[in-house]
Amino acid sequence: MLQPKRLKHRRQFRGIYRRTAIKGNHVNFGTIGVKTLDSGMITDRQIEACRVVMARATRKAGRFWMRIFPDRPYTKKPPEVTMGAGKGDVSHYVAVVTPGKILFELEGLDELTAKAMHKNLTSKLGVKTKLVSRHI
């Protein structure tokens, strides 16, 4: 799974994310983008599942770019452990997204294939998304 090579701090606070995306809210590399409509956390396993879907969709002719990376550690305490005794161990890594953030970009797909791929991609994610095109 995806995870950062180095971290300054092993455990981080989760924080609250209320604003809309200011950076990364335009399609820059491809012609079609997958944009979030919700804020939330996308796990490394969800990103990997989406990568597999996009790789299969763009196998013959096309490219894709992943614009998010799971760089935040997510901690969990083991089951049946009492309250207290510190923060839990790192369970997995997540990418924090806010509304308007472009998650993935694609190029070389027709509209019908892109819509079918988007339906499959959305079922793998925990946030609502929509397809957007590049404004030239």
N, C-alpha and C. Protein backbone atom coordinates (compact mmCIF):
# COMPACT_ATOMS: atom_id res chain seq x y z
N MET A 1 0.83 -1.19 0.00
CA MET A 1 0.00 0.00 0.00
C MET A 1 0.87 1.25 0.00
N LEU A 2 0.26 2.34 -0.34
CA LEU A 2 0.98 3.61 -0.37
C LEU A 2 1.18 4.15 1.05
N GLN A 3 2.37 4.66 1.32
CA GLN A 3 2.64 5.30 2.58
C GLN A 3 3.89 6.16 2.41
N PRO A 4 4.03 7.21 3.22
CA PRO A 4 5.20 8.08 3.08
C PRO A 4 6.48 7.38 3.51
N LYS A 5 7.59 7.79 2.91
CA LYS A 5 8.88 7.19 3.26
C LYS A 5 9.34 7.63 4.64
N ARG A 6 9.17 8.92 4.94
CA ARG A 6 9.58 9.47 6.23
C ARG A 6 8.48 10.34 6.79
N LEU A 7 8.41 10.43 8.11
CA LEU A 7 7.48 11.32 8.78
C LEU A 7 8.21 12.09 9.86
N LYS A 8 7.84 13.34 10.04
CA LYS A 8 8.44 14.11 11.13
C LYS A 8 7.90 13.62 12.46
N HIS A 9 6.58 13.36 12.51
CA HIS A 9 5.95 12.84 13.72
C HIS A 9 5.18 11.58 13.35
N ARG A 10 5.31 10.55 14.17
CA ARG A 10 4.70 9.26 13.88
C ARG A 10 3.19 9.31 13.95
N ARG A 11 2.64 10.08 14.91
CA ARG A 11 1.18 10.18 15.08
C ARG A 11 0.78 11.64 14.97
N GLN A 12 -0.39 11.87 14.33
CA GLN A 12 -0.88 13.24 14.15
C GLN A 12 -2.30 13.36 14.66
N PHE A 13 -2.71 14.60 14.96
CA PHE A 13 -4.10 14.85 15.27
C PHE A 13 -4.92 14.75 14.00
N ARG A 14 -6.21 14.41 14.12
CA ARG A 14 -7.05 14.25 12.94
C ARG A 14 -7.50 15.56 12.35
N GLY A 15 -7.87 16.53 13.19
CA GLY A 15 -8.26 17.85 12.71
C GLY A 15 -9.67 17.88 12.16
N ILE A 16 -10.14 19.09 11.78
CA ILE A 16 -11.46 19.31 11.22
C ILE A 16 -11.28 20.01 9.88
N TYR A 17 -11.97 19.55 8.85
CA TYR A 17 -11.81 20.09 7.51
C TYR A 17 -13.16 20.59 7.03
N ARG A 18 -13.32 21.91 6.97
CA ARG A 18 -14.61 22.46 6.61
C ARG A 18 -14.58 23.24 5.30
N ARG A 19 -13.45 23.69 4.86
CA ARG A 19 -13.38 24.59 3.72
C ARG A 19 -13.41 23.85 2.38
N THR A 20 -13.55 24.61 1.31
CA THR A 20 -13.46 24.03 -0.03
C THR A 20 -12.01 24.08 -0.48
N ALA A 21 -11.68 23.26 -1.47
CA ALA A 21 -10.30 23.16 -1.94
C ALA A 21 -9.87 24.44 -2.64
N ILE A 22 -8.71 24.94 -2.27
CA ILE A 22 -8.14 26.11 -2.92
C ILE A 22 -7.06 25.66 -3.90
N LYS A 23 -6.24 24.71 -3.47
CA LYS A 23 -5.21 24.16 -4.35
C LYS A 23 -5.72 22.84 -4.92
N GLY A 24 -5.28 22.49 -6.09
CA GLY A 24 -5.62 21.21 -6.69
C GLY A 24 -7.07 21.08 -7.08
N ASN A 25 -7.71 22.20 -7.48
CA ASN A 25 -9.12 22.14 -7.85
C ASN A 25 -9.35 22.36 -9.34
N HIS A 26 -8.29 22.28 -10.16
CA HIS A 26 -8.41 22.40 -11.61
C HIS A 26 -7.74 21.20 -12.27
N VAL A 27 -8.26 20.80 -13.42
CA VAL A 27 -7.66 19.71 -14.19
C VAL A 27 -6.44 20.27 -14.90
N ASN A 28 -5.25 19.74 -14.59
CA ASN A 28 -4.01 20.27 -15.13
C ASN A 28 -3.32 19.34 -16.12
N PHE A 29 -3.40 18.04 -15.91
CA PHE A 29 -2.60 17.11 -16.70
C PHE A 29 -3.41 16.43 -17.80
N GLY A 30 -4.58 15.91 -17.48
CA GLY A 30 -5.39 15.18 -18.45
C GLY A 30 -6.51 16.04 -19.00
N THR A 31 -7.50 15.37 -19.59
CA THR A 31 -8.66 16.08 -20.14
C THR A 31 -9.90 15.87 -19.29
N ILE A 32 -9.93 14.80 -18.49
CA ILE A 32 -11.07 14.48 -17.63
C ILE A 32 -10.54 14.34 -16.20
N GLY A 33 -11.30 14.88 -15.24
CA GLY A 33 -10.90 14.78 -13.84
C GLY A 33 -12.02 14.22 -13.00
N VAL A 34 -11.66 13.60 -11.88
CA VAL A 34 -12.62 13.12 -10.89
C VAL A 34 -12.51 14.06 -9.70
N LYS A 35 -13.59 14.82 -9.43
CA LYS A 35 -13.60 15.86 -8.41
C LYS A 35 -14.49 15.43 -7.25
N THR A 36 -14.06 15.73 -6.01
CA THR A 36 -14.85 15.38 -4.84
C THR A 36 -15.93 16.43 -4.59
N LEU A 37 -17.03 15.96 -4.02
CA LEU A 37 -18.11 16.85 -3.60
C LEU A 37 -18.22 16.90 -2.08
N ASP A 38 -17.53 16.01 -1.39
CA ASP A 38 -17.56 15.93 0.07
C ASP A 38 -16.15 16.10 0.62
N SER A 39 -16.09 16.37 1.92
CA SER A 39 -14.80 16.31 2.59
C SER A 39 -14.71 14.97 3.30
N GLY A 40 -13.52 14.47 3.46
CA GLY A 40 -13.36 13.19 4.13
C GLY A 40 -11.95 12.68 4.02
N MET A 41 -11.78 11.43 4.42
CA MET A 41 -10.48 10.78 4.37
C MET A 41 -10.56 9.59 3.43
N ILE A 42 -9.60 9.48 2.52
CA ILE A 42 -9.53 8.37 1.58
C ILE A 42 -8.32 7.53 1.97
N THR A 43 -8.55 6.25 2.22
CA THR A 43 -7.48 5.38 2.72
C THR A 43 -6.57 4.94 1.59
N ASP A 44 -5.41 4.41 1.98
CA ASP A 44 -4.45 3.92 1.01
C ASP A 44 -5.01 2.74 0.21
N ARG A 45 -5.84 1.91 0.83
CA ARG A 45 -6.44 0.78 0.13
C ARG A 45 -7.46 1.24 -0.91
N GLN A 46 -8.22 2.30 -0.59
CA GLN A 46 -9.18 2.83 -1.56
C GLN A 46 -8.46 3.43 -2.76
N ILE A 47 -7.36 4.13 -2.52
CA ILE A 47 -6.59 4.71 -3.62
C ILE A 47 -6.01 3.61 -4.50
N GLU A 48 -5.54 2.54 -3.90
CA GLU A 48 -4.99 1.42 -4.67
C GLU A 48 -6.07 0.75 -5.51
N ALA A 49 -7.27 0.58 -4.95
CA ALA A 49 -8.38 0.00 -5.71
C ALA A 49 -8.75 0.89 -6.89
N CYS A 50 -8.73 2.20 -6.69
CA CYS A 50 -9.01 3.13 -7.79
C CYS A 50 -7.93 3.09 -8.85
N ARG A 51 -6.67 2.93 -8.42
CA ARG A 51 -5.57 2.83 -9.38
C ARG A 51 -5.74 1.62 -10.29
N VAL A 52 -6.17 0.50 -9.72
CA VAL A 52 -6.39 -0.72 -10.51
C VAL A 52 -7.52 -0.49 -11.52
N VAL A 53 -8.61 0.16 -11.09
CA VAL A 53 -9.74 0.43 -11.99
C VAL A 53 -9.30 1.32 -13.15
N MET A 54 -8.53 2.37 -12.85
CA MET A 54 -8.08 3.29 -13.90
C MET A 54 -7.07 2.63 -14.83
N ALA A 55 -6.21 1.77 -14.28
CA ALA A 55 -5.23 1.07 -15.11
C ALA A 55 -5.93 0.14 -16.09
N ARG A 56 -7.00 -0.51 -15.66
CA ARG A 56 -7.75 -1.38 -16.57
C ARG A 56 -8.52 -0.59 -17.62
N ALA A 57 -9.03 0.58 -17.24
CA ALA A 57 -9.81 1.39 -18.17
C ALA A 57 -8.91 2.04 -19.23
N THR A 58 -7.68 2.38 -18.86
CA THR A 58 -6.79 3.08 -19.78
C THR A 58 -5.72 2.17 -20.35
N ARG A 59 -5.94 0.89 -20.32
CA ARG A 59 -4.90 -0.06 -20.74
C ARG A 59 -4.52 0.11 -22.20
N LYS A 60 -5.48 0.14 -23.11
CA LYS A 60 -5.19 0.20 -24.54
C LYS A 60 -4.65 1.57 -24.95
N ALA A 61 -5.46 2.59 -24.71
CA ALA A 61 -5.05 3.94 -25.12
C ALA A 61 -5.49 4.92 -24.07
N GLY A 62 -4.56 5.48 -23.35
CA GLY A 62 -4.91 6.47 -22.35
C GLY A 62 -3.88 6.52 -21.24
N ARG A 63 -3.98 7.57 -20.47
CA ARG A 63 -3.10 7.75 -19.33
C ARG A 63 -3.93 8.23 -18.14
N PHE A 64 -3.39 8.08 -16.95
CA PHE A 64 -4.06 8.62 -15.77
C PHE A 64 -3.02 9.15 -14.79
N TRP A 65 -3.46 10.12 -13.99
CA TRP A 65 -2.63 10.74 -12.97
C TRP A 65 -3.37 10.68 -11.65
N MET A 66 -2.66 10.34 -10.58
CA MET A 66 -3.24 10.35 -9.24
C MET A 66 -2.76 11.63 -8.55
N ARG A 67 -3.70 12.48 -8.14
CA ARG A 67 -3.36 13.78 -7.58
C ARG A 67 -3.39 13.80 -6.06
N ILE A 68 -3.66 12.65 -5.43
CA ILE A 68 -3.68 12.59 -3.97
C ILE A 68 -2.71 11.51 -3.51
N PHE A 69 -2.23 11.66 -2.29
CA PHE A 69 -1.32 10.68 -1.71
C PHE A 69 -1.64 10.54 -0.22
N PRO A 70 -1.71 9.31 0.28
CA PRO A 70 -2.03 9.12 1.71
C PRO A 70 -0.82 9.42 2.59
N ASP A 71 -0.75 10.64 3.10
CA ASP A 71 0.40 11.05 3.88
C ASP A 71 0.09 11.28 5.36
N ARG A 72 -1.16 11.07 5.78
CA ARG A 72 -1.55 11.27 7.17
C ARG A 72 -1.71 9.93 7.87
N PRO A 73 -1.02 9.69 8.98
CA PRO A 73 -1.21 8.44 9.72
C PRO A 73 -2.56 8.43 10.44
N TYR A 74 -3.22 7.29 10.43
CA TYR A 74 -4.51 7.10 11.09
C TYR A 74 -4.30 6.06 12.18
N THR A 75 -4.55 6.44 13.44
CA THR A 75 -4.29 5.54 14.55
C THR A 75 -5.57 4.88 15.04
N LYS A 76 -5.42 3.69 15.58
CA LYS A 76 -6.54 2.93 16.14
C LYS A 76 -6.05 2.18 17.36
N LYS A 77 -6.94 2.06 18.34
CA LYS A 77 -6.63 1.23 19.50
C LYS A 77 -7.15 -0.18 19.24
N PRO A 78 -6.52 -1.19 19.80
CA PRO A 78 -6.99 -2.55 19.59
C PRO A 78 -8.38 -2.77 20.17
N PRO A 79 -9.10 -3.77 19.71
CA PRO A 79 -10.43 -4.03 20.26
C PRO A 79 -10.34 -4.48 21.73
N GLU A 80 -11.40 -4.15 22.48
CA GLU A 80 -11.54 -4.54 23.88
C GLU A 80 -10.43 -3.99 24.76
N VAL A 81 -10.01 -2.75 24.50
CA VAL A 81 -9.01 -2.09 25.33
C VAL A 81 -9.71 -0.97 26.08
N THR A 82 -9.42 -0.81 27.36
CA THR A 82 -10.08 0.22 28.16
C THR A 82 -9.59 1.61 27.76
N MET A 83 -10.37 2.60 28.19
CA MET A 83 -10.02 3.99 27.90
C MET A 83 -8.72 4.36 28.62
N GLY A 84 -8.00 5.30 28.03
CA GLY A 84 -6.74 5.72 28.61
C GLY A 84 -5.58 4.97 28.00
N ALA A 85 -4.44 5.02 28.65
CA ALA A 85 -3.21 4.33 28.22
C ALA A 85 -2.70 4.84 26.89
N GLY A 86 -2.92 6.13 26.60
CA GLY A 86 -2.28 6.76 25.44
C GLY A 86 -2.99 6.54 24.12
N LYS A 87 -2.36 7.08 23.09
CA LYS A 87 -2.90 7.02 21.73
C LYS A 87 -2.56 5.67 21.12
N GLY A 88 -3.41 5.20 20.21
CA GLY A 88 -3.20 3.89 19.60
C GLY A 88 -2.09 3.88 18.57
N ASP A 89 -1.81 2.70 18.05
CA ASP A 89 -0.78 2.53 17.03
C ASP A 89 -1.32 2.95 15.66
N VAL A 90 -0.40 3.24 14.75
CA VAL A 90 -0.79 3.63 13.39
C VAL A 90 -1.38 2.42 12.69
N SER A 91 -2.63 2.57 12.23
CA SER A 91 -3.34 1.49 11.56
C SER A 91 -3.10 1.53 10.05
N HIS A 92 -3.28 2.70 9.46
CA HIS A 92 -3.07 2.89 8.03
C HIS A 92 -2.86 4.37 7.76
N TYR A 93 -2.72 4.73 6.48
CA TYR A 93 -2.50 6.11 6.10
C TYR A 93 -3.67 6.59 5.25
N VAL A 94 -4.00 7.87 5.39
CA VAL A 94 -5.14 8.44 4.67
C VAL A 94 -4.71 9.72 3.95
N ALA A 95 -5.47 10.05 2.91
CA ALA A 95 -5.35 11.34 2.22
C ALA A 95 -6.59 12.14 2.58
N VAL A 96 -6.40 13.34 3.09
CA VAL A 96 -7.52 14.19 3.48
C VAL A 96 -7.94 15.01 2.27
N VAL A 97 -9.25 14.96 1.93
CA VAL A 97 -9.75 15.71 0.77
C VAL A 97 -10.87 16.64 1.23
N THR A 98 -10.97 17.77 0.54
CA THR A 98 -12.02 18.74 0.79
C THR A 98 -12.83 18.90 -0.49
N PRO A 99 -14.04 19.45 -0.43
CA PRO A 99 -14.86 19.58 -1.64
C PRO A 99 -14.16 20.40 -2.71
N GLY A 100 -14.18 19.91 -3.94
CA GLY A 100 -13.57 20.60 -5.06
C GLY A 100 -12.20 20.07 -5.43
N LYS A 101 -11.62 19.19 -4.65
CA LYS A 101 -10.28 18.65 -4.92
C LYS A 101 -10.34 17.64 -6.07
N ILE A 102 -9.41 17.75 -7.00
CA ILE A 102 -9.30 16.78 -8.10
C ILE A 102 -8.50 15.58 -7.59
N LEU A 103 -9.12 14.41 -7.61
CA LEU A 103 -8.46 13.20 -7.11
C LEU A 103 -7.62 12.54 -8.19
N PHE A 104 -8.23 12.32 -9.34
CA PHE A 104 -7.56 11.62 -10.43
C PHE A 104 -7.82 12.36 -11.74
N GLU A 105 -6.89 12.22 -12.69
CA GLU A 105 -7.07 12.80 -14.02
C GLU A 105 -6.83 11.72 -15.05
N LEU A 106 -7.57 11.81 -16.15
CA LEU A 106 -7.50 10.82 -17.22
C LEU A 106 -7.35 11.51 -18.55
N GLU A 107 -6.80 10.77 -19.51
CA GLU A 107 -6.65 11.29 -20.86
C GLU A 107 -6.77 10.12 -21.84
N GLY A 108 -7.40 10.36 -22.96
CA GLY A 108 -7.48 9.36 -24.01
C GLY A 108 -8.68 8.44 -23.91
N LEU A 109 -9.69 8.77 -23.10
CA LEU A 109 -10.90 7.96 -22.99
C LEU A 109 -12.07 8.71 -23.62
N ASP A 110 -12.95 7.96 -24.29
CA ASP A 110 -14.17 8.60 -24.79
C ASP A 110 -15.16 8.77 -23.64
N GLU A 111 -16.22 9.52 -23.90
CA GLU A 111 -17.15 9.90 -22.83
C GLU A 111 -17.87 8.70 -22.23
N LEU A 112 -18.25 7.74 -23.07
CA LEU A 112 -18.98 6.57 -22.58
C LEU A 112 -18.11 5.71 -21.66
N THR A 113 -16.87 5.48 -22.08
CA THR A 113 -15.94 4.69 -21.27
C THR A 113 -15.62 5.41 -19.96
N ALA A 114 -15.47 6.74 -20.04
CA ALA A 114 -15.16 7.51 -18.84
C ALA A 114 -16.29 7.45 -17.83
N LYS A 115 -17.54 7.51 -18.30
CA LYS A 115 -18.68 7.43 -17.38
C LYS A 115 -18.77 6.07 -16.72
N ALA A 116 -18.53 5.00 -17.49
CA ALA A 116 -18.56 3.64 -16.93
C ALA A 116 -17.44 3.47 -15.90
N MET A 117 -16.25 3.99 -16.22
CA MET A 117 -15.13 3.91 -15.31
C MET A 117 -15.41 4.71 -14.04
N HIS A 118 -16.06 5.88 -14.18
CA HIS A 118 -16.37 6.73 -13.03
C HIS A 118 -17.35 6.04 -12.09
N LYS A 119 -18.32 5.33 -12.64
CA LYS A 119 -19.28 4.60 -11.81
C LYS A 119 -18.58 3.53 -10.99
N ASN A 120 -17.65 2.83 -11.61
CA ASN A 120 -16.88 1.79 -10.93
C ASN A 120 -15.95 2.41 -9.88
N LEU A 121 -15.38 3.56 -10.22
CA LEU A 121 -14.45 4.25 -9.33
C LEU A 121 -15.15 4.79 -8.09
N THR A 122 -16.35 5.34 -8.27
CA THR A 122 -17.09 5.92 -7.15
C THR A 122 -17.49 4.88 -6.13
N SER A 123 -17.75 3.67 -6.59
CA SER A 123 -18.13 2.61 -5.65
C SER A 123 -16.97 2.21 -4.74
N LYS A 124 -15.75 2.53 -5.13
CA LYS A 124 -14.58 2.19 -4.33
C LYS A 124 -14.24 3.26 -3.29
N LEU A 125 -14.78 4.48 -3.49
CA LEU A 125 -14.41 5.61 -2.63
C LEU A 125 -15.45 5.85 -1.54
N GLY A 126 -15.06 6.56 -0.51
CA GLY A 126 -15.96 6.89 0.58
C GLY A 126 -16.53 8.29 0.49
N VAL A 127 -16.25 9.01 -0.60
CA VAL A 127 -16.77 10.37 -0.79
C VAL A 127 -17.50 10.45 -2.12
N LYS A 128 -18.44 11.39 -2.23
CA LYS A 128 -19.15 11.59 -3.49
C LYS A 128 -18.24 12.31 -4.47
N THR A 129 -18.31 11.89 -5.74
CA THR A 129 -17.46 12.51 -6.77
C THR A 129 -18.27 12.80 -8.01
N LYS A 130 -17.68 13.62 -8.89
CA LYS A 130 -18.29 13.86 -10.20
C LYS A 130 -17.17 14.01 -11.22
N LEU A 131 -17.53 13.78 -12.48
CA LEU A 131 -16.57 13.94 -13.58
C LEU A 131 -16.57 15.40 -14.03
N VAL A 132 -15.38 15.95 -14.26
CA VAL A 132 -15.24 17.29 -14.79
C VAL A 132 -14.29 17.24 -15.96
N SER A 133 -14.46 18.17 -16.90
CA SER A 133 -13.56 18.22 -18.06
C SER A 133 -12.72 19.47 -18.00
N ARG A 134 -11.65 19.45 -18.77
CA ARG A 134 -10.72 20.57 -18.78
C ARG A 134 -11.28 21.71 -19.60
N HIS A 135 -11.20 22.91 -19.05
CA HIS A 135 -11.64 24.11 -19.78
C HIS A 135 -10.41 24.74 -20.43
N ILE A 136 -10.41 24.73 -21.76
CA ILE A 136 -9.22 25.25 -22.48
C ILE A 136 -9.51 26.66 -22.97
